[in-house]
N, C-alpha and C. Protein backbone atom coordinates (compact mmCIF):
# COMPACT_ATOMS: atom_id res chain seq x y z
N MET A 1 50.25 105.24 95.69
CA MET A 1 51.47 104.47 95.75
C MET A 1 52.15 104.47 94.38
N THR A 2 53.46 104.55 94.40
CA THR A 2 54.22 104.48 93.15
C THR A 2 54.80 103.09 93.00
N SER A 3 54.99 102.70 91.77
CA SER A 3 55.61 101.39 91.54
C SER A 3 57.10 101.49 91.83
N THR A 4 57.72 100.34 92.03
CA THR A 4 59.15 100.35 92.36
C THR A 4 59.99 100.85 91.20
N SER A 5 59.57 100.58 89.97
CA SER A 5 60.36 101.06 88.83
C SER A 5 60.31 102.59 88.76
N THR A 6 59.15 103.17 89.05
CA THR A 6 59.04 104.63 89.05
C THR A 6 59.86 105.22 90.19
N PHE A 7 59.81 104.56 91.35
CA PHE A 7 60.56 105.03 92.50
C PHE A 7 62.06 104.96 92.22
N ALA A 8 62.51 103.86 91.63
CA ALA A 8 63.93 103.70 91.34
C ALA A 8 64.40 104.73 90.33
N SER A 9 63.58 104.98 89.31
CA SER A 9 63.99 105.96 88.30
C SER A 9 64.00 107.37 88.88
N SER A 10 63.08 107.67 89.80
CA SER A 10 63.08 109.00 90.39
C SER A 10 64.27 109.18 91.32
N CYS A 11 64.68 108.12 92.01
CA CYS A 11 65.84 108.20 92.89
C CYS A 11 67.11 108.42 92.08
N SER A 12 67.25 107.70 90.99
CA SER A 12 68.47 107.84 90.20
C SER A 12 68.54 109.21 89.54
N SER A 13 67.40 109.74 89.10
CA SER A 13 67.43 111.06 88.46
C SER A 13 67.68 112.15 89.49
N SER A 14 67.17 111.99 90.71
CA SER A 14 67.42 113.00 91.73
C SER A 14 68.87 112.97 92.18
N ALA A 15 69.49 111.78 92.18
CA ALA A 15 70.90 111.70 92.54
C ALA A 15 71.76 112.38 91.48
N LYS A 16 71.37 112.26 90.23
CA LYS A 16 72.12 112.89 89.15
C LYS A 16 72.01 114.40 89.25
N LYS A 17 70.81 114.90 89.59
CA LYS A 17 70.59 116.33 89.66
C LYS A 17 71.34 116.95 90.84
N SER A 18 71.42 116.23 91.96
CA SER A 18 72.04 116.80 93.14
C SER A 18 73.56 116.76 93.08
N GLY A 19 74.12 116.10 92.07
CA GLY A 19 75.57 116.06 91.94
C GLY A 19 76.20 114.97 92.78
N ALA A 20 75.43 113.98 93.19
CA ALA A 20 75.98 112.89 93.98
C ALA A 20 76.94 112.07 93.14
N LYS A 21 77.94 111.50 93.79
CA LYS A 21 78.93 110.69 93.08
C LYS A 21 78.30 109.38 92.63
N PRO A 22 78.69 108.88 91.48
CA PRO A 22 78.17 107.57 91.04
C PRO A 22 78.71 106.46 91.94
N LYS A 23 78.01 105.34 91.95
CA LYS A 23 78.44 104.22 92.78
C LYS A 23 79.77 103.68 92.28
N LYS A 24 80.51 103.10 93.20
CA LYS A 24 81.77 102.47 92.83
C LYS A 24 81.48 101.24 91.99
N GLY A 25 82.40 100.85 91.15
CA GLY A 25 82.21 99.70 90.29
C GLY A 25 82.55 98.40 90.98
N LEU A 26 82.30 97.31 90.28
CA LEU A 26 82.53 95.97 90.80
C LEU A 26 83.99 95.76 91.18
N TYR A 27 84.90 96.12 90.29
CA TYR A 27 86.31 95.88 90.57
C TYR A 27 86.83 96.79 91.68
N ALA A 28 86.29 97.98 91.82
CA ALA A 28 86.67 98.86 92.93
C ALA A 28 86.26 98.24 94.25
N ASN A 29 85.07 97.64 94.28
CA ASN A 29 84.61 96.98 95.50
C ASN A 29 85.46 95.76 95.82
N ILE A 30 85.85 95.00 94.81
CA ILE A 30 86.69 93.82 95.03
C ILE A 30 88.05 94.24 95.58
N ARG A 31 88.65 95.28 94.99
CA ARG A 31 89.95 95.76 95.47
C ARG A 31 89.85 96.27 96.90
N ALA A 32 88.76 96.98 97.21
CA ALA A 32 88.59 97.50 98.57
C ALA A 32 88.48 96.37 99.58
N LYS A 33 87.75 95.31 99.22
CA LYS A 33 87.60 94.19 100.15
C LYS A 33 88.93 93.47 100.34
N ARG A 34 89.70 93.32 99.26
CA ARG A 34 91.02 92.68 99.39
C ARG A 34 91.93 93.48 100.30
N ARG A 35 91.84 94.81 100.22
CA ARG A 35 92.65 95.66 101.12
C ARG A 35 92.22 95.47 102.57
N ARG A 36 90.90 95.41 102.80
CA ARG A 36 90.41 95.20 104.17
C ARG A 36 90.86 93.86 104.71
N ILE A 37 90.81 92.82 103.87
CA ILE A 37 91.23 91.48 104.30
C ILE A 37 92.72 91.49 104.62
N ALA A 38 93.53 92.14 103.78
CA ALA A 38 94.97 92.21 104.02
C ALA A 38 95.28 92.97 105.30
N ALA A 39 94.43 93.93 105.64
CA ALA A 39 94.64 94.71 106.85
C ALA A 39 94.19 93.96 108.10
N GLY A 40 93.58 92.78 107.93
CA GLY A 40 93.21 91.97 109.07
C GLY A 40 91.79 92.15 109.56
N SER A 41 90.85 92.43 108.66
CA SER A 41 89.47 92.67 109.07
C SER A 41 88.75 91.39 109.47
N GLY A 42 89.27 90.23 109.05
CA GLY A 42 88.60 88.97 109.36
C GLY A 42 87.55 88.57 108.33
N GLU A 43 87.33 89.42 107.33
CA GLU A 43 86.38 89.09 106.27
C GLU A 43 87.00 88.04 105.35
N THR A 44 86.16 87.39 104.57
CA THR A 44 86.64 86.47 103.54
C THR A 44 85.90 86.77 102.25
N MET A 45 86.54 86.42 101.15
CA MET A 45 85.89 86.57 99.85
C MET A 45 84.86 85.47 99.71
N ARG A 46 83.76 85.77 99.01
CA ARG A 46 82.74 84.75 98.78
C ARG A 46 83.23 83.77 97.73
N GLU A 47 82.75 82.54 97.84
CA GLU A 47 83.08 81.53 96.84
C GLU A 47 82.34 81.85 95.55
N PRO A 48 82.93 81.55 94.39
CA PRO A 48 82.22 81.79 93.13
C PRO A 48 80.90 81.03 93.08
N HIS A 49 79.90 81.66 92.54
CA HIS A 49 78.56 81.10 92.35
C HIS A 49 77.82 80.88 93.67
N SER A 50 78.31 81.43 94.79
CA SER A 50 77.56 81.33 96.03
C SER A 50 76.59 82.51 96.11
N GLU A 51 75.66 82.44 97.04
CA GLU A 51 74.66 83.50 97.16
C GLU A 51 75.34 84.80 97.61
N GLY A 52 75.06 85.87 96.90
CA GLY A 52 75.64 87.16 97.22
C GLY A 52 76.94 87.46 96.48
N ALA A 53 77.51 86.46 95.84
CA ALA A 53 78.74 86.67 95.08
C ALA A 53 78.39 87.27 93.72
N PRO A 54 79.31 88.02 93.12
CA PRO A 54 79.04 88.56 91.79
C PRO A 54 78.83 87.45 90.77
N THR A 55 77.88 87.64 89.90
CA THR A 55 77.58 86.63 88.89
C THR A 55 78.46 86.84 87.66
N ASP A 56 78.44 85.87 86.77
CA ASP A 56 79.19 86.01 85.52
C ASP A 56 78.66 87.21 84.73
N ALA A 57 77.36 87.43 84.79
CA ALA A 57 76.76 88.55 84.07
C ALA A 57 77.26 89.89 84.62
N SER A 58 77.44 89.99 85.93
CA SER A 58 77.91 91.25 86.50
C SER A 58 79.35 91.53 86.09
N PHE A 59 80.17 90.49 85.94
CA PHE A 59 81.53 90.69 85.45
C PHE A 59 81.52 91.13 83.99
N ARG A 60 80.63 90.55 83.19
CA ARG A 60 80.52 90.96 81.78
C ARG A 60 80.06 92.41 81.69
N ASP A 61 79.08 92.79 82.52
CA ASP A 61 78.58 94.16 82.50
C ASP A 61 79.66 95.15 82.91
N SER A 62 80.46 94.80 83.92
CA SER A 62 81.50 95.72 84.37
C SER A 62 82.60 95.84 83.33
N ALA A 63 82.86 94.78 82.59
CA ALA A 63 83.86 94.86 81.52
C ALA A 63 83.37 95.75 80.40
N ARG A 64 82.08 95.76 80.18
CA ARG A 64 81.50 96.58 79.11
C ARG A 64 81.57 98.06 79.46
N THR A 65 81.51 98.40 80.73
CA THR A 65 81.50 99.80 81.14
C THR A 65 82.86 100.30 81.58
N ALA A 66 83.89 99.47 81.47
CA ALA A 66 85.23 99.88 81.90
C ALA A 66 85.73 101.01 81.02
N LYS A 67 86.45 101.94 81.63
CA LYS A 67 86.97 103.07 80.88
C LYS A 67 88.21 102.63 80.12
N LYS A 68 88.31 103.05 78.89
CA LYS A 68 89.48 102.76 78.08
C LYS A 68 90.60 103.73 78.48
N PRO A 69 91.84 103.27 78.52
CA PRO A 69 92.93 104.20 78.85
C PRO A 69 93.10 105.23 77.75
N LYS A 70 93.40 106.45 78.16
CA LYS A 70 93.59 107.52 77.18
C LYS A 70 94.98 107.41 76.59
N THR A 71 95.07 107.44 75.29
CA THR A 71 96.36 107.40 74.62
C THR A 71 96.48 108.60 73.71
N THR A 72 97.69 109.02 73.50
CA THR A 72 97.91 110.14 72.59
C THR A 72 98.16 109.60 71.19
N ARG A 73 98.03 110.47 70.25
CA ARG A 73 98.18 110.05 68.86
C ARG A 73 99.62 109.66 68.55
N HIS A 74 100.56 110.39 69.11
CA HIS A 74 101.98 110.14 68.85
C HIS A 74 102.61 109.52 70.10
N HIS A 75 102.09 108.44 70.54
CA HIS A 75 102.59 107.80 71.75
C HIS A 75 103.90 107.08 71.46
N ARG A 76 104.89 107.34 72.29
CA ARG A 76 106.16 106.63 72.18
C ARG A 76 106.49 106.03 73.53
N GLY A 77 107.17 104.91 73.53
CA GLY A 77 107.54 104.24 74.76
C GLY A 77 108.59 105.01 75.54
N ARG A 78 108.86 104.56 76.75
CA ARG A 78 109.81 105.22 77.63
C ARG A 78 111.22 105.21 77.04
N ARG A 79 111.62 104.07 76.50
CA ARG A 79 112.96 103.97 75.95
C ARG A 79 113.13 104.87 74.73
N ALA A 80 112.09 104.97 73.91
CA ALA A 80 112.19 105.83 72.73
C ALA A 80 112.34 107.29 73.15
N LYS A 81 111.65 107.69 74.22
CA LYS A 81 111.77 109.06 74.70
C LYS A 81 113.17 109.33 75.22
N ALA A 82 113.76 108.35 75.92
CA ALA A 82 115.11 108.53 76.45
C ALA A 82 116.11 108.66 75.32
N ARG A 83 115.96 107.82 74.29
CA ARG A 83 116.86 107.89 73.15
C ARG A 83 116.70 109.23 72.42
N ALA A 84 115.48 109.70 72.29
CA ALA A 84 115.23 110.96 71.59
C ALA A 84 115.87 112.12 72.35
N GLY A 85 115.79 112.10 73.67
CA GLY A 85 116.38 113.15 74.48
C GLY A 85 117.89 113.17 74.38
N ARG A 86 118.50 111.99 74.30
CA ARG A 86 119.95 111.88 74.19
C ARG A 86 120.44 112.43 72.86
N SER A 87 119.72 112.12 71.80
CA SER A 87 120.19 112.53 70.48
C SER A 87 120.09 114.04 70.29
N ARG A 88 119.18 114.69 70.96
CA ARG A 88 119.03 116.13 70.82
C ARG A 88 120.17 116.89 71.49
N SER A 89 120.71 116.35 72.57
CA SER A 89 121.74 117.06 73.31
C SER A 89 123.11 116.97 72.64
N ARG A 90 123.29 116.02 71.75
CA ARG A 90 124.58 115.88 71.07
C ARG A 90 124.74 116.97 70.01
N SER A 91 125.96 117.40 69.84
CA SER A 91 126.21 118.38 68.78
C SER A 91 126.55 117.65 67.49
N ARG A 92 126.17 118.21 66.41
CA ARG A 92 126.41 117.56 65.11
C ARG A 92 127.59 118.12 64.41
């Protein structure tokens, strides 16, 4: 018999090797449930701190693993780009 920690580690490593997609995150699951509720599934969101609801620790963990938005080094806003495009077309 194998221990559960060995079994869990072997499952996660085999999933990585086979190219399986990683699990969806906490916020992806929350958004998906809100969409189902809006579509009329009859489900309800769990009350905070009830059994089965995400804990404060799970929200902290998901915030820690959130992807940072990619920004460019020379990022300019939309209005700045529009102004720059206008000035180039004018003749001097």
